[in-house]
Amino acid sequence: MRRLRTAAAAALLATALVTLAAGPAPAAAHPPHRPAPKAPAEFVALQDVAPTIRQEIRYHTPHNFVGEPIDGYREPLCIVTEDTAEALAKAQRSLLKRGYTLKVYDCYRPQRAVDHFVRWAEDLDDQKMKAEFYPRVEKNRLFADGYIAEKSGHSRGSTVDLTLVKLPAAPTRPYVPGEPLKPCYAPKDQRFPDNSVDTGTGFDCFDTLAHTDDPRVTGTQRANRQLLKTTLERQGFTNLPEEWWHFTHKPETFPDTYFDFPVSRRSLAPHHH
């Protein structure tokens, strides 16, 4: 019996030595590395379809209501479904003839970015960007008032946030973290100097003044909102009445799917490079 035990021990030792010689234990010891999710082939980089549309992808920067770059924005890139890109290209052609260009602030938004917004909204102590983006709204009201939600149409790929810029366009200066903040509804010459036309508020202004048809918005500001809206409606976009900058191309390519691939070239199918 003893010899059998010794033989068994020798066999075990041999196995152990073979395993050691073979290198580290199989991957079960570590969770398998999951590759980042990829976009379906229907998604494209807007600049490949409409290269003249300006891009100022705010969530890749600290100049947004959270005050830091948002999860999932690996590159300052507008990604949308092909249908949406083609419709934007048509809108852009008609605007260029009138001396304007479109400028996108946000396009496809991964679910992980929306999750970042939700975590931020639940942290009532973090109000560092309040003075610019939500001066008149208490942070604990952001969910109830509909400014923040756990799902966003942007994650489906047919929704964009955008504005108009008069040509020739001056560059917008970079935001400097920690700089004094001005309310997003202050007069244009007082709020953050964006190179866009005056629409009465800045982008992502959590305020009723951002409602597209708010009666307090008159004159040139109203005309600018209407030019953006009517131009995009002609190409199949629908405006969200609470946000003059928010448009969804209908019918949506993916009406029920919320994607989470990162915003980067590497997420896109190779034939769109």
C-alpha atoms as a PDB file:
ATOM      1  CA  MET A   1       0.000   0.000   0.000  1.00  0.00           C
ATOM      2  CA  ARG A   2       2.828   2.307   0.998  1.00  0.00           C
ATOM      3  CA  ARG A   3       4.549   1.775  -2.358  1.00  0.00           C
ATOM      4  CA  LEU A   4       1.318   2.547  -4.214  1.00  0.00           C
ATOM      5  CA  ARG A   5       1.008   5.739  -2.245  1.00  0.00           C
ATOM      6  CA  THR A   6       4.606   6.601  -3.134  1.00  0.00           C
ATOM      7  CA  ALA A   7       3.924   5.790  -6.784  1.00  0.00           C
ATOM      8  CA  ALA A   8       0.825   7.995  -6.669  1.00  0.00           C
ATOM      9  CA  ALA A   9       2.868  10.773  -5.046  1.00  0.00           C
ATOM     10  CA  ALA A  10       5.541  10.404  -7.726  1.00  0.00           C
ATOM     11  CA  ALA A  11       2.878  10.607 -10.427  1.00  0.00           C
ATOM     12  CA  LEU A  12       1.429  13.721  -8.802  1.00  0.00           C
ATOM     13  CA  LEU A  13       4.881  15.255  -8.574  1.00  0.00           C
ATOM     14  CA  ALA A  14       5.544  14.460 -12.230  1.00  0.00           C
ATOM     15  CA  THR A  15       2.234  16.067 -13.197  1.00  0.00           C
ATOM     16  CA  ALA A  16       3.090  19.130 -11.116  1.00  0.00           C
ATOM     17  CA  LEU A  17       6.505  19.387 -12.792  1.00  0.00           C
ATOM     18  CA  VAL A  18       4.939  19.095 -16.255  1.00  0.00           C
ATOM     19  CA  THR A  19       2.424  21.802 -15.321  1.00  0.00           C
ATOM     20  CA  LEU A  20       5.232  24.054 -14.055  1.00  0.00           C
ATOM     21  CA  ALA A  21       7.251  23.417 -17.193  1.00  0.00           C
ATOM     22  CA  ALA A  22       4.197  24.279 -19.289  1.00  0.00           C
ATOM     23  CA  GLY A  23       4.133  27.778 -17.800  1.00  0.00           C
ATOM     24  CA  PRO A  24       1.420  29.546 -15.813  1.00  0.00           C
ATOM     25  CA  ALA A  25      -1.853  27.911 -14.886  1.00  0.00           C
ATOM     26  CA  PRO A  26      -4.656  28.070 -17.466  1.00  0.00           C
ATOM     27  CA  ALA A  27      -6.658  31.287 -17.720  1.00  0.00           C
ATOM     28  CA  ALA A  28      -9.257  30.138 -15.197  1.00  0.00           C
ATOM     29  CA  ALA A  29      -7.037  31.675 -12.531  1.00  0.00           C
ATOM     30  CA  HIS A  30      -7.713  35.108 -14.107  1.00  0.00           C
ATOM     31  CA  PRO A  31     -11.048  36.287 -15.438  1.00  0.00           C
ATOM     32  CA  PRO A  32     -10.849  36.009 -19.233  1.00  0.00           C
ATOM     33  CA  HIS A  33     -10.080  39.377 -20.868  1.00  0.00           C
ATOM     34  CA  ARG A  34     -13.235  40.460 -22.655  1.00  0.00           C
ATOM     35  CA  PRO A  35     -12.594  42.455 -25.813  1.00  0.00           C
ATOM     36  CA  ALA A  36     -14.405  45.810 -25.964  1.00  0.00           C
ATOM     37  CA  PRO A  37     -17.792  45.507 -27.677  1.00  0.00           C
ATOM     38  CA  LYS A  38     -17.834  46.527 -31.337  1.00  0.00           C
ATOM     39  CA  ALA A  39     -20.357  48.597 -33.268  1.00  0.00           C
ATOM     40  CA  PRO A  40     -22.612  46.887 -35.801  1.00  0.00           C
ATOM     41  CA  ALA A  41     -21.684  47.583 -39.438  1.00  0.00           C
ATOM     42  CA  GLU A  42     -24.485  50.188 -39.673  1.00  0.00           C
ATOM     43  CA  PHE A  43     -22.457  52.639 -37.540  1.00  0.00           C
ATOM     44  CA  VAL A  44     -20.043  55.111 -39.160  1.00  0.00           C
ATOM     45  CA  ALA A  45     -17.809  58.018 -38.193  1.00  0.00           C
ATOM     46  CA  LEU A  46     -19.704  61.159 -39.223  1.00  0.00           C
ATOM     47  CA  GLN A  47     -16.521  62.755 -40.562  1.00  0.00           C
ATOM     48  CA  ASP A  48     -16.232  59.969 -43.171  1.00  0.00           C
ATOM     49  CA  VAL A  49     -19.667  60.882 -44.550  1.00  0.00           C
ATOM     50  CA  ALA A  50     -19.879  64.635 -43.857  1.00  0.00           C
ATOM     51  CA  PRO A  51     -16.337  65.932 -43.268  1.00  0.00           C
ATOM     52  CA  THR A  52     -17.342  69.628 -43.198  1.00  0.00           C
ATOM     53  CA  ILE A  53     -19.586  69.248 -40.121  1.00  0.00           C
ATOM     54  CA  ARG A  54     -17.702  70.651 -37.119  1.00  0.00           C
ATOM     55  CA  GLN A  55     -17.223  68.430 -34.070  1.00  0.00           C
ATOM     56  CA  GLU A  56     -16.875  69.598 -30.480  1.00  0.00           C
ATOM     57  CA  ILE A  57     -17.454  66.407 -28.521  1.00  0.00           C
ATOM     58  CA  ARG A  58     -17.995  67.865 -25.067  1.00  0.00           C
ATOM     59  CA  TYR A  59     -18.124  64.602 -23.107  1.00  0.00           C
ATOM     60  CA  HIS A  60     -14.552  63.828 -24.167  1.00  0.00           C
ATOM     61  CA  THR A  61     -13.541  67.002 -22.277  1.00  0.00           C
ATOM     62  CA  PRO A  62     -14.092  68.322 -18.737  1.00  0.00           C
ATOM     63  CA  HIS A  63     -16.417  71.055 -20.091  1.00  0.00           C
ATOM     64  CA  ASN A  64     -19.751  69.420 -19.313  1.00  0.00           C
ATOM     65  CA  PHE A  65     -22.207  69.286 -16.408  1.00  0.00           C
ATOM     66  CA  VAL A  66     -20.162  66.564 -14.637  1.00  0.00           C
ATOM     67  CA  GLY A  67     -16.893  68.495 -14.957  1.00  0.00           C
ATOM     68  CA  GLU A  68     -14.712  65.602 -16.142  1.00  0.00           C
ATOM     69  CA  PRO A  69     -14.346  63.453 -19.279  1.00  0.00           C
ATOM     70  CA  ILE A  70     -17.153  60.886 -19.403  1.00  0.00           C
ATOM     71  CA  ASP A  71     -16.702  57.092 -19.379  1.00  0.00           C
ATOM     72  CA  GLY A  72     -16.542  55.550 -22.840  1.00  0.00           C
ATOM     73  CA  TYR A  73     -15.462  58.655 -24.772  1.00  0.00           C
ATOM     74  CA  ARG A  74     -12.020  57.413 -25.806  1.00  0.00           C
ATOM     75  CA  GLU A  75     -11.763  59.799 -28.770  1.00  0.00           C
ATOM     76  CA  PRO A  76     -13.499  63.093 -29.638  1.00  0.00           C
ATOM     77  CA  LEU A  77     -15.448  61.388 -32.401  1.00  0.00           C
ATOM     78  CA  CYS A  78     -19.039  61.597 -33.633  1.00  0.00           C
ATOM     79  CA  ILE A  79     -20.345  58.089 -34.370  1.00  0.00           C
ATOM     80  CA  VAL A  80     -23.888  57.635 -35.736  1.00  0.00           C
ATOM     81  CA  THR A  81     -25.842  55.168 -37.841  1.00  0.00           C
ATOM     82  CA  GLU A  82     -25.276  55.486 -41.576  1.00  0.00           C
ATOM     83  CA  ASP A  83     -28.838  56.755 -42.189  1.00  0.00           C
ATOM     84  CA  THR A  84     -28.301  59.510 -39.631  1.00  0.00           C
ATOM     85  CA  ALA A  85     -24.951  60.488 -41.145  1.00  0.00           C
ATOM     86  CA  GLU A  86     -26.432  60.703 -44.664  1.00  0.00           C
ATOM     87  CA  ALA A  87     -29.318  62.858 -43.421  1.00  0.00           C
ATOM     88  CA  LEU A  88     -26.894  65.177 -41.587  1.00  0.00           C
ATOM     89  CA  ALA A  89     -24.799  65.456 -44.764  1.00  0.00           C
ATOM     90  CA  LYS A  90     -27.901  66.631 -46.686  1.00  0.00           C
ATOM     91  CA  ALA A  91     -28.803  69.159 -43.990  1.00  0.00           C
ATOM     92  CA  GLN A  92     -25.206  70.409 -44.037  1.00  0.00           C
ATOM     93  CA  ARG A  93     -25.277  70.933 -47.823  1.00  0.00           C
ATOM     94  CA  SER A  94     -28.322  73.173 -47.547  1.00  0.00           C
ATOM     95  CA  LEU A  95     -26.802  75.134 -44.630  1.00  0.00           C
ATOM     96  CA  LEU A  96     -23.435  75.677 -46.327  1.00  0.00           C
ATOM     97  CA  LYS A  97     -25.293  77.463 -49.164  1.00  0.00           C
ATOM     98  CA  ARG A  98     -26.690  79.854 -46.565  1.00  0.00           C
ATOM     99  CA  GLY A  99     -23.333  80.511 -44.896  1.00  0.00           C
ATOM    100  CA  TYR A 100     -23.702  78.162 -41.911  1.00  0.00           C
ATOM    101  CA  THR A 101     -22.251  74.859 -40.778  1.00  0.00           C
ATOM    102  CA  LEU A 102     -23.609  72.293 -38.345  1.00  0.00           C
ATOM    103  CA  LYS A 103     -21.567  71.570 -35.218  1.00  0.00           C
ATOM    104  CA  VAL A 104     -22.166  68.397 -33.194  1.00  0.00           C
ATOM    105  CA  TYR A 105     -21.632  68.284 -29.423  1.00  0.00           C
ATOM    106  CA  ASP A 106     -22.641  64.650 -28.914  1.00  0.00           C
ATOM    107  CA  CYS A 107     -23.704  61.748 -31.123  1.00  0.00           C
ATOM    108  CA  TYR A 108     -23.748  58.058 -30.187  1.00  0.00           C
ATOM    109  CA  ARG A 109     -23.357  57.787 -26.399  1.00  0.00           C
ATOM    110  CA  PRO A 110     -22.386  54.447 -24.823  1.00  0.00           C
ATOM    111  CA  GLN A 111     -24.480  53.062 -21.962  1.00  0.00           C
ATOM    112  CA  ARG A 112     -21.409  53.315 -19.670  1.00  0.00           C
ATOM    113  CA  ALA A 113     -21.479  57.108 -20.202  1.00  0.00           C
ATOM    114  CA  VAL A 114     -25.158  57.239 -19.217  1.00  0.00           C
ATOM    115  CA  ASP A 115     -24.270  55.174 -16.133  1.00  0.00           C
ATOM    116  CA  HIS A 116     -21.578  57.774 -15.324  1.00  0.00           C
ATOM    117  CA  PHE A 117     -24.233  60.541 -15.514  1.00  0.00           C
ATOM    118  CA  VAL A 118     -26.513  58.567 -13.179  1.00  0.00           C
ATOM    119  CA  ARG A 119     -23.740  58.013 -10.594  1.00  0.00           C
ATOM    120  CA  TRP A 120     -22.932  61.723 -10.758  1.00  0.00           C
ATOM    121  CA  ALA A 121     -26.595  62.722 -10.340  1.00  0.00           C
ATOM    122  CA  GLU A 122     -26.890  60.530  -7.229  1.00  0.00           C
ATOM    123  CA  ASP A 123     -23.862  62.252  -5.634  1.00  0.00           C
ATOM    124  CA  LEU A 124     -25.582  65.382  -4.330  1.00  0.00           C
ATOM    125  CA  ASP A 125     -22.334  66.770  -2.893  1.00  0.00           C
ATOM    126  CA  ASP A 126     -20.693  67.155  -6.311  1.00  0.00           C
ATOM    127  CA  GLN A 127     -22.032  70.453  -7.624  1.00  0.00           C
ATOM    128  CA  LYS A 128     -18.875  71.928  -9.092  1.00  0.00           C
ATOM    129  CA  MET A 129     -20.484  72.713 -12.488  1.00  0.00           C
ATOM    130  CA  LYS A 130     -23.847  73.915 -11.128  1.00  0.00           C
ATOM    131  CA  ALA A 131     -23.161  77.613 -11.764  1.00  0.00           C
ATOM    132  CA  GLU A 132     -22.963  76.996 -15.526  1.00  0.00           C
ATOM    133  CA  PHE A 133     -25.234  74.059 -16.327  1.00  0.00           C
ATOM    134  CA  TYR A 134     -28.070  74.015 -13.764  1.00  0.00           C
ATOM    135  CA  PRO A 135     -28.022  77.272 -11.739  1.00  0.00           C
ATOM    136  CA  ARG A 136     -31.824  77.323 -11.228  1.00  0.00           C
ATOM    137  CA  VAL A 137     -32.407  73.574 -10.672  1.00  0.00           C
ATOM    138  CA  GLU A 138     -31.661  71.739  -7.427  1.00  0.00           C
ATOM    139  CA  LYS A 139     -29.453  68.733  -8.123  1.00  0.00           C
ATOM    140  CA  ASN A 140     -31.851  66.400  -6.295  1.00  0.00           C
ATOM    141  CA  ARG A 141     -34.500  67.318  -8.931  1.00  0.00           C
ATOM    142  CA  LEU A 142     -32.497  66.255 -11.997  1.00  0.00           C
ATOM    143  CA  PHE A 143     -34.146  62.805 -12.251  1.00  0.00           C
ATOM    144  CA  ALA A 144     -37.665  63.991 -11.385  1.00  0.00           C
ATOM    145  CA  ASP A 145     -37.468  66.870 -13.854  1.00  0.00           C
ATOM    146  CA  GLY A 146     -36.221  64.570 -16.628  1.00  0.00           C
ATOM    147  CA  TYR A 147     -32.757  66.064 -17.116  1.00  0.00           C
ATOM    148  CA  ILE A 148     -31.022  62.772 -16.254  1.00  0.00           C
ATOM    149  CA  ALA A 149     -32.358  59.277 -17.020  1.00  0.00           C
ATOM    150  CA  GLU A 150     -31.003  55.732 -16.831  1.00  0.00           C
ATOM    151  CA  LYS A 151     -31.376  55.231 -20.586  1.00  0.00           C
ATOM    152  CA  SER A 152     -30.719  57.653 -23.421  1.00  0.00           C
ATOM    153  CA  GLY A 153     -31.844  57.626 -27.033  1.00  0.00           C
ATOM    154  CA  HIS A 154     -28.253  58.614 -27.844  1.00  0.00           C
ATOM    155  CA  SER A 155     -27.198  55.017 -27.055  1.00  0.00           C
ATOM    156  CA  ARG A 156     -29.269  53.798 -30.037  1.00  0.00           C
ATOM    157  CA  GLY A 157     -27.150  55.734 -32.535  1.00  0.00           C
ATOM    158  CA  SER A 158     -29.698  57.941 -34.346  1.00  0.00           C
ATOM    159  CA  THR A 159     -29.748  60.892 -31.919  1.00  0.00           C
ATOM    160  CA  VAL A 160     -27.430  63.904 -32.046  1.00  0.00           C
ATOM    161  CA  ASP A 161     -26.922  67.126 -30.082  1.00  0.00           C
ATOM    162  CA  LEU A 162     -25.947  69.945 -32.406  1.00  0.00           C
ATOM    163  CA  THR A 163     -26.013  73.625 -33.220  1.00  0.00           C
ATOM    164  CA  LEU A 164     -25.273  76.102 -36.029  1.00  0.00           C
ATOM    165  CA  VAL A 165     -22.083  78.090 -36.583  1.00  0.00           C
ATOM    166  CA  LYS A 166     -21.919  81.089 -38.921  1.00  0.00           C
ATOM    167  CA  LEU A 167     -19.096  80.833 -41.461  1.00  0.00           C
ATOM    168  CA  PRO A 168     -16.266  81.674 -41.436  1.00  0.00           C
ATOM    169  CA  ALA A 169     -16.107  80.035 -38.004  1.00  0.00           C
ATOM    170  CA  ALA A 170     -13.847  81.366 -35.272  1.00  0.00           C
ATOM    171  CA  PRO A 171     -12.464  78.585 -33.074  1.00  0.00           C
ATOM    172  CA  THR A 172     -14.013  78.098 -29.638  1.00  0.00           C
ATOM    173  CA  ARG A 173     -11.319  78.587 -27.010  1.00  0.00           C
ATOM    174  CA  PRO A 174     -10.615  75.610 -24.771  1.00  0.00           C
ATOM    175  CA  TYR A 175     -12.381  75.465 -21.420  1.00  0.00           C
ATOM    176  CA  VAL A 176      -9.953  75.711 -18.487  1.00  0.00           C
ATOM    177  CA  PRO A 177     -11.023  73.509 -15.538  1.00  0.00           C
ATOM    178  CA  GLY A 178     -11.603  75.711 -12.498  1.00  0.00           C
ATOM    179  CA  GLU A 179     -12.319  78.867 -14.501  1.00  0.00           C
ATOM    180  CA  PRO A 180     -15.201  81.032 -13.218  1.00  0.00           C
ATOM    181  CA  LEU A 181     -18.503  79.662 -14.501  1.00  0.00           C
ATOM    182  CA  LYS A 182     -21.301  81.747 -16.046  1.00  0.00           C
ATOM    183  CA  PRO A 183     -24.953  80.640 -16.221  1.00  0.00           C
ATOM    184  CA  CYS A 184     -25.752  78.829 -19.476  1.00  0.00           C
ATOM    185  CA  TYR A 185     -28.715  81.191 -19.998  1.00  0.00           C
ATOM    186  CA  ALA A 186     -26.703  84.417 -19.519  1.00  0.00           C
ATOM    187  CA  PRO A 187     -26.510  86.760 -22.525  1.00  0.00           C
ATOM    188  CA  LYS A 188     -24.224  85.337 -25.226  1.00  0.00           C
ATOM    189  CA  ASP A 189     -21.420  87.822 -24.565  1.00  0.00           C
ATOM    190  CA  GLN A 190     -21.362  86.776 -20.887  1.00  0.00           C
ATOM    191  CA  ARG A 191     -21.605  82.963 -21.012  1.00  0.00           C
ATOM    192  CA  PHE A 192     -18.852  80.571 -22.125  1.00  0.00           C
ATOM    193  CA  PRO A 193     -17.632  81.814 -25.542  1.00  0.00           C
ATOM    194  CA  ASP A 194     -18.940  79.189 -27.972  1.00  0.00           C
ATOM    195  CA  ASN A 195     -18.485  79.919 -31.692  1.00  0.00           C
ATOM    196  CA  SER A 196     -22.098  78.925 -32.403  1.00  0.00           C
ATOM    197  CA  VAL A 197     -24.973  81.261 -33.282  1.00  0.00           C
ATOM    198  CA  ASP A 198     -26.984  82.698 -30.384  1.00  0.00           C
ATOM    199  CA  THR A 199     -29.830  80.351 -29.491  1.00  0.00           C
ATOM    200  CA  GLY A 200     -30.527  81.844 -26.068  1.00  0.00           C
ATOM    201  CA  THR A 201     -28.685  79.224 -23.985  1.00  0.00           C
ATOM    202  CA  GLY A 202     -25.529  77.147 -24.127  1.00  0.00           C
ATOM    203  CA  PHE A 203     -25.517  73.401 -24.834  1.00  0.00           C
ATOM    204  CA  ASP A 204     -26.752  71.090 -22.045  1.00  0.00           C
ATOM    205  CA  CYS A 205     -28.437  73.937 -20.200  1.00  0.00           C
ATOM    206  CA  PHE A 206     -30.699  72.264 -17.596  1.00  0.00           C
ATOM    207  CA  ASP A 207     -33.242  75.044 -17.680  1.00  0.00           C
ATOM    208  CA  THR A 208     -36.703  75.695 -19.112  1.00  0.00           C
ATOM    209  CA  LEU A 209     -35.162  78.420 -21.288  1.00  0.00           C
ATOM    210  CA  ALA A 210     -33.654  75.549 -23.330  1.00  0.00           C
ATOM    211  CA  HIS A 211     -37.169  74.390 -24.331  1.00  0.00           C
ATOM    212  CA  THR A 212     -37.190  74.886 -28.108  1.00  0.00           C
ATOM    213  CA  ASP A 213     -40.340  77.021 -28.177  1.00  0.00           C
ATOM    214  CA  ASP A 214     -39.982  78.814 -24.841  1.00  0.00           C
ATOM    215  CA  PRO A 215     -41.834  82.130 -25.342  1.00  0.00           C
ATOM    216  CA  ARG A 216     -39.047  84.125 -23.655  1.00  0.00           C
ATOM    217  CA  VAL A 217     -36.781  83.280 -26.604  1.00  0.00           C
ATOM    218  CA  THR A 218     -37.472  85.834 -29.333  1.00  0.00           C
ATOM    219  CA  GLY A 219     -35.882  87.640 -32.267  1.00  0.00           C
ATOM    220  CA  THR A 220     -32.590  86.327 -33.608  1.00  0.00           C
ATOM    221  CA  GLN A 221     -32.348  83.624 -30.922  1.00  0.00           C
ATOM    222  CA  ARG A 222     -35.723  82.164 -31.952  1.00  0.00           C
ATOM    223  CA  ALA A 223     -34.858  82.488 -35.660  1.00  0.00           C
ATOM    224  CA  ASN A 224     -31.619  80.546 -35.097  1.00  0.00           C
ATOM    225  CA  ARG A 225     -33.449  77.751 -33.272  1.00  0.00           C
ATOM    226  CA  GLN A 226     -36.039  77.606 -36.041  1.00  0.00           C
ATOM    227  CA  LEU A 227     -33.414  77.473 -38.802  1.00  0.00           C
ATOM    228  CA  LEU A 228     -31.745  74.514 -37.083  1.00  0.00           C
ATOM    229  CA  LYS A 229     -35.075  72.777 -36.472  1.00  0.00           C
ATOM    230  CA  THR A 230     -36.671  73.269 -39.886  1.00  0.00           C
ATOM    231  CA  THR A 231     -33.471  72.301 -41.740  1.00  0.00           C
ATOM    232  CA  LEU A 232     -33.176  69.059 -39.765  1.00  0.00           C
ATOM    233  CA  GLU A 233     -36.918  68.256 -39.907  1.00  0.00           C
ATOM    234  CA  ARG A 234     -36.734  68.341 -43.710  1.00  0.00           C
ATOM    235  CA  GLN A 235     -34.213  65.485 -43.468  1.00  0.00           C
ATOM    236  CA  GLY A 236     -36.331  63.299 -41.179  1.00  0.00           C
ATOM    237  CA  PHE A 237     -35.201  64.496 -37.753  1.00  0.00           C
ATOM    238  CA  THR A 238     -37.515  65.094 -34.788  1.00  0.00           C
ATOM    239  CA  ASN A 239     -36.626  67.649 -32.118  1.00  0.00           C
ATOM    240  CA  LEU A 240     -36.994  66.968 -28.397  1.00  0.00           C
ATOM    241  CA  PRO A 241     -39.150  69.935 -27.253  1.00  0.00           C
ATOM    242  CA  GLU A 242     -37.206  70.325 -23.972  1.00  0.00           C
ATOM    243  CA  GLU A 243     -33.796  70.698 -25.680  1.00  0.00           C
ATOM    244  CA  TRP A 244     -33.343  72.908 -28.733  1.00  0.00           C
ATOM    245  CA  TRP A 245     -30.102  71.015 -29.615  1.00  0.00           C
ATOM    246  CA  HIS A 246     -31.445  67.416 -29.447  1.00  0.00           C
ATOM    247  CA  PHE A 247     -32.636  65.639 -32.628  1.00  0.00           C
ATOM    248  CA  THR A 248     -33.432  62.025 -33.519  1.00  0.00           C
ATOM    249  CA  HIS A 249     -33.440  60.701 -37.083  1.00  0.00           C
ATOM    250  CA  LYS A 250     -36.582  58.663 -37.813  1.00  0.00           C
ATOM    251  CA  PRO A 251     -37.175  55.843 -38.453  1.00  0.00           C
ATOM    252  CA  GLU A 252     -34.350  54.812 -36.117  1.00  0.00           C
ATOM    253  CA  THR A 253     -32.012  52.114 -37.418  1.00  0.00           C
ATOM    254  CA  PHE A 254     -32.003  50.486 -33.955  1.00  0.00           C
ATOM    255  CA  PRO A 255     -35.238  51.626 -32.246  1.00  0.00           C
ATOM    256  CA  ASP A 256     -34.901  49.318 -29.221  1.00  0.00           C
ATOM    257  CA  THR A 257     -31.171  48.638 -28.750  1.00  0.00           C
ATOM    258  CA  TYR A 258     -28.944  50.490 -26.284  1.00  0.00           C
ATOM    259  CA  PHE A 259     -25.293  49.952 -27.244  1.00  0.00           C
ATOM    260  CA  ASP A 260     -22.204  50.172 -25.051  1.00  0.00           C
ATOM    261  CA  PHE A 261     -19.226  50.045 -27.439  1.00  0.00           C
ATOM    262  CA  PRO A 262     -16.708  52.843 -26.688  1.00  0.00           C
ATOM    263  CA  VAL A 263     -16.550  56.018 -28.769  1.00  0.00           C
ATOM    264  CA  SER A 264     -13.431  55.292 -30.816  1.00  0.00           C
ATOM    265  CA  ARG A 265     -12.386  54.339 -34.346  1.00  0.00           C
ATOM    266  CA  ARG A 266     -11.514  50.866 -33.119  1.00  0.00           C
ATOM    267  CA  SER A 267     -15.181  50.215 -32.319  1.00  0.00           C
ATOM    268  CA  LEU A 268     -16.187  50.630 -35.963  1.00  0.00           C
ATOM    269  CA  ALA A 269     -16.244  47.966 -38.662  1.00  0.00           C
ATOM    270  CA  PRO A 270     -13.010  48.160 -40.714  1.00  0.00           C
ATOM    271  CA  HIS A 271     -14.691  49.014 -44.036  1.00  0.00           C
ATOM    272  CA  HIS A 272     -15.594  52.440 -42.580  1.00  0.00           C
ATOM    273  CA  HIS A 273     -11.976  53.414 -41.916  1.00  0.00           C
END
